Amino acid sequence: MRLRVHPVKTQLSATTKGIDFVGFRVLPDQVRVRNENLRRARRRLRRYQIGYHNGEIGREKLTECIRSWIAHLEHGDTWRLRSRIFASLVFTVRRG
């Protein structure tokens, strides 16, 4: 295939430091969510709560968004993280 490594975009580093890859920090013994991605997701979940409460987001759209994020998180070692985040979420609809 005659593939070559890009000279500027390629970096060598110790495996103990881990590498960033598609929103995760890949370490030798675990795969963790990057902090920035976690902060961004928490802000997004708060917006979903407000939007759902105000009737701007429907149940189907909300379910799709949350399932998508859960599916992404399942690629890492995130069971405890998912449990903590979703245990604290409550989605209510404004009546009237």
C-alpha atoms as a PDB file:
ATOM      1  CA  MET A   1       0.000   0.000   0.000  1.00  0.00           C
ATOM      2  CA  ARG A   2       3.067   2.233   0.362  1.00  0.00           C
ATOM      3  CA  LEU A   3       1.639   4.163   3.314  1.00  0.00           C
ATOM      4  CA  ARG A   4       3.832   6.727   5.015  1.00  0.00           C
ATOM      5  CA  VAL A   5       3.612   8.351   8.427  1.00  0.00           C
ATOM      6  CA  HIS A   6       2.991  12.106   8.347  1.00  0.00           C
ATOM      7  CA  PRO A   7       6.201  13.719   9.704  1.00  0.00           C
ATOM      8  CA  VAL A   8       4.451  16.587  11.551  1.00  0.00           C
ATOM      9  CA  LYS A   9       1.346  14.817  12.848  1.00  0.00           C
ATOM     10  CA  THR A  10       3.206  11.812  14.264  1.00  0.00           C
ATOM     11  CA  GLN A  11       4.429  11.894  17.856  1.00  0.00           C
ATOM     12  CA  LEU A  12       6.264   9.339  19.933  1.00  0.00           C
ATOM     13  CA  SER A  13       5.508   9.337  23.638  1.00  0.00           C
ATOM     14  CA  ALA A  14       5.649   7.008  26.615  1.00  0.00           C
ATOM     15  CA  THR A  15       2.682   4.662  26.849  1.00  0.00           C
ATOM     16  CA  THR A  16       2.294   5.512  30.544  1.00  0.00           C
ATOM     17  CA  LYS A  17       1.102   9.000  29.553  1.00  0.00           C
ATOM     18  CA  GLY A  18      -1.590   7.609  27.304  1.00  0.00           C
ATOM     19  CA  ILE A  19      -2.912   9.081  24.073  1.00  0.00           C
ATOM     20  CA  ASP A  20      -6.039  11.025  23.152  1.00  0.00           C
ATOM     21  CA  PHE A  21      -8.238   9.214  20.661  1.00  0.00           C
ATOM     22  CA  VAL A  22     -11.855   9.985  19.648  1.00  0.00           C
ATOM     23  CA  GLY A  23     -12.766  11.620  22.951  1.00  0.00           C
ATOM     24  CA  PHE A  24     -10.988   9.141  25.182  1.00  0.00           C
ATOM     25  CA  ARG A  25      -7.645   8.978  26.942  1.00  0.00           C
ATOM     26  CA  VAL A  26      -6.217   5.542  26.144  1.00  0.00           C
ATOM     27  CA  LEU A  27      -3.868   4.341  28.885  1.00  0.00           C
ATOM     28  CA  PRO A  28      -2.090   0.978  29.090  1.00  0.00           C
ATOM     29  CA  ASP A  29      -4.633  -0.497  31.507  1.00  0.00           C
ATOM     30  CA  GLN A  30      -7.808   1.537  30.908  1.00  0.00           C
ATOM     31  CA  VAL A  31      -9.728   3.812  28.552  1.00  0.00           C
ATOM     32  CA  ARG A  32     -11.079   6.981  30.176  1.00  0.00           C
ATOM     33  CA  VAL A  33     -13.283   9.797  28.903  1.00  0.00           C
ATOM     34  CA  ARG A  34     -11.386  13.034  28.313  1.00  0.00           C
ATOM     35  CA  ASN A  35     -12.289  15.710  30.870  1.00  0.00           C
ATOM     36  CA  GLU A  36     -13.281  18.246  28.217  1.00  0.00           C
ATOM     37  CA  ASN A  37     -15.677  15.772  26.612  1.00  0.00           C
ATOM     38  CA  LEU A  38     -17.230  15.039  29.986  1.00  0.00           C
ATOM     39  CA  ARG A  39     -17.755  18.740  30.749  1.00  0.00           C
ATOM     40  CA  ARG A  40     -19.270  19.308  27.320  1.00  0.00           C
ATOM     41  CA  ALA A  41     -21.620  16.345  27.741  1.00  0.00           C
ATOM     42  CA  ARG A  42     -22.802  17.519  31.161  1.00  0.00           C
ATOM     43  CA  ARG A  43     -23.617  20.956  29.732  1.00  0.00           C
ATOM     44  CA  ARG A  44     -25.483  19.271  26.867  1.00  0.00           C
ATOM     45  CA  LEU A  45     -27.471  17.076  29.265  1.00  0.00           C
ATOM     46  CA  ARG A  46     -28.511  20.167  31.242  1.00  0.00           C
ATOM     47  CA  ARG A  47     -29.711  21.797  28.009  1.00  0.00           C
ATOM     48  CA  TYR A  48     -31.668  18.627  27.213  1.00  0.00           C
ATOM     49  CA  GLN A  49     -33.317  18.755  30.645  1.00  0.00           C
ATOM     50  CA  ILE A  50     -34.376  22.376  30.150  1.00  0.00           C
ATOM     51  CA  GLY A  51     -35.503  21.785  26.570  1.00  0.00           C
ATOM     52  CA  TYR A  52     -37.537  18.743  27.535  1.00  0.00           C
ATOM     53  CA  HIS A  53     -39.101  20.578  30.475  1.00  0.00           C
ATOM     54  CA  ASN A  54     -40.095  23.489  28.210  1.00  0.00           C
ATOM     55  CA  GLY A  55     -41.452  21.181  25.504  1.00  0.00           C
ATOM     56  CA  GLU A  56     -38.766  22.159  22.964  1.00  0.00           C
ATOM     57  CA  ILE A  57     -37.400  18.606  22.743  1.00  0.00           C
ATOM     58  CA  GLY A  58     -39.637  15.571  22.347  1.00  0.00           C
ATOM     59  CA  ARG A  59     -39.218  12.269  24.151  1.00  0.00           C
ATOM     60  CA  GLU A  60     -38.001  10.464  21.018  1.00  0.00           C
ATOM     61  CA  LYS A  61     -35.315  13.047  20.258  1.00  0.00           C
ATOM     62  CA  LEU A  62     -34.200  13.064  23.899  1.00  0.00           C
ATOM     63  CA  THR A  63     -33.989   9.268  23.948  1.00  0.00           C
ATOM     64  CA  GLU A  64     -31.935   9.246  20.724  1.00  0.00           C
ATOM     65  CA  CYS A  65     -29.456  11.795  22.059  1.00  0.00           C
ATOM     66  CA  ILE A  66     -28.953  10.050  25.385  1.00  0.00           C
ATOM     67  CA  ARG A  67     -28.622   6.592  23.823  1.00  0.00           C
ATOM     68  CA  SER A  68     -26.064   7.953  21.384  1.00  0.00           C
ATOM     69  CA  TRP A  69     -23.920   9.352  24.185  1.00  0.00           C
ATOM     70  CA  ILE A  70     -24.237   6.140  26.222  1.00  0.00           C
ATOM     71  CA  ALA A  71     -23.140   4.115  23.179  1.00  0.00           C
ATOM     72  CA  HIS A  72     -20.075   6.342  22.823  1.00  0.00           C
ATOM     73  CA  LEU A  73     -19.213   5.965  26.517  1.00  0.00           C
ATOM     74  CA  GLU A  74     -19.472   2.178  26.327  1.00  0.00           C
ATOM     75  CA  HIS A  75     -16.217   2.134  24.340  1.00  0.00           C
ATOM     76  CA  GLY A  76     -14.364   3.113  27.507  1.00  0.00           C
ATOM     77  CA  ASP A  77     -14.171   1.950  31.097  1.00  0.00           C
ATOM     78  CA  THR A  78     -17.136   4.077  32.162  1.00  0.00           C
ATOM     79  CA  TRP A  79     -19.694   1.935  33.975  1.00  0.00           C
ATOM     80  CA  ARG A  80     -19.378   3.822  37.277  1.00  0.00           C
ATOM     81  CA  LEU A  81     -19.328   7.190  35.499  1.00  0.00           C
ATOM     82  CA  ARG A  82     -22.519   6.395  33.587  1.00  0.00           C
ATOM     83  CA  SER A  83     -24.200   5.208  36.782  1.00  0.00           C
ATOM     84  CA  ARG A  84     -23.375   8.437  38.627  1.00  0.00           C
ATOM     85  CA  ILE A  85     -24.368  10.766  35.794  1.00  0.00           C
ATOM     86  CA  PHE A  86     -27.698   9.159  34.979  1.00  0.00           C
ATOM     87  CA  ALA A  87     -28.674   8.532  38.601  1.00  0.00           C
ATOM     88  CA  SER A  88     -28.730  12.289  39.139  1.00  0.00           C
ATOM     89  CA  LEU A  89     -30.732  13.182  35.996  1.00  0.00           C
ATOM     90  CA  VAL A  90     -34.462  13.806  36.143  1.00  0.00           C
ATOM     91  CA  PHE A  91     -36.437  14.815  33.065  1.00  0.00           C
ATOM     92  CA  THR A  92     -39.829  16.432  33.720  1.00  0.00           C
ATOM     93  CA  VAL A  93     -42.376  18.053  31.456  1.00  0.00           C
ATOM     94  CA  ARG A  94     -44.007  21.360  32.304  1.00  0.00           C
ATOM     95  CA  ARG A  95     -47.766  21.001  32.518  1.00  0.00           C
ATOM     96  CA  GLY A  96     -50.200  23.619  31.393  1.00  0.00           C
END
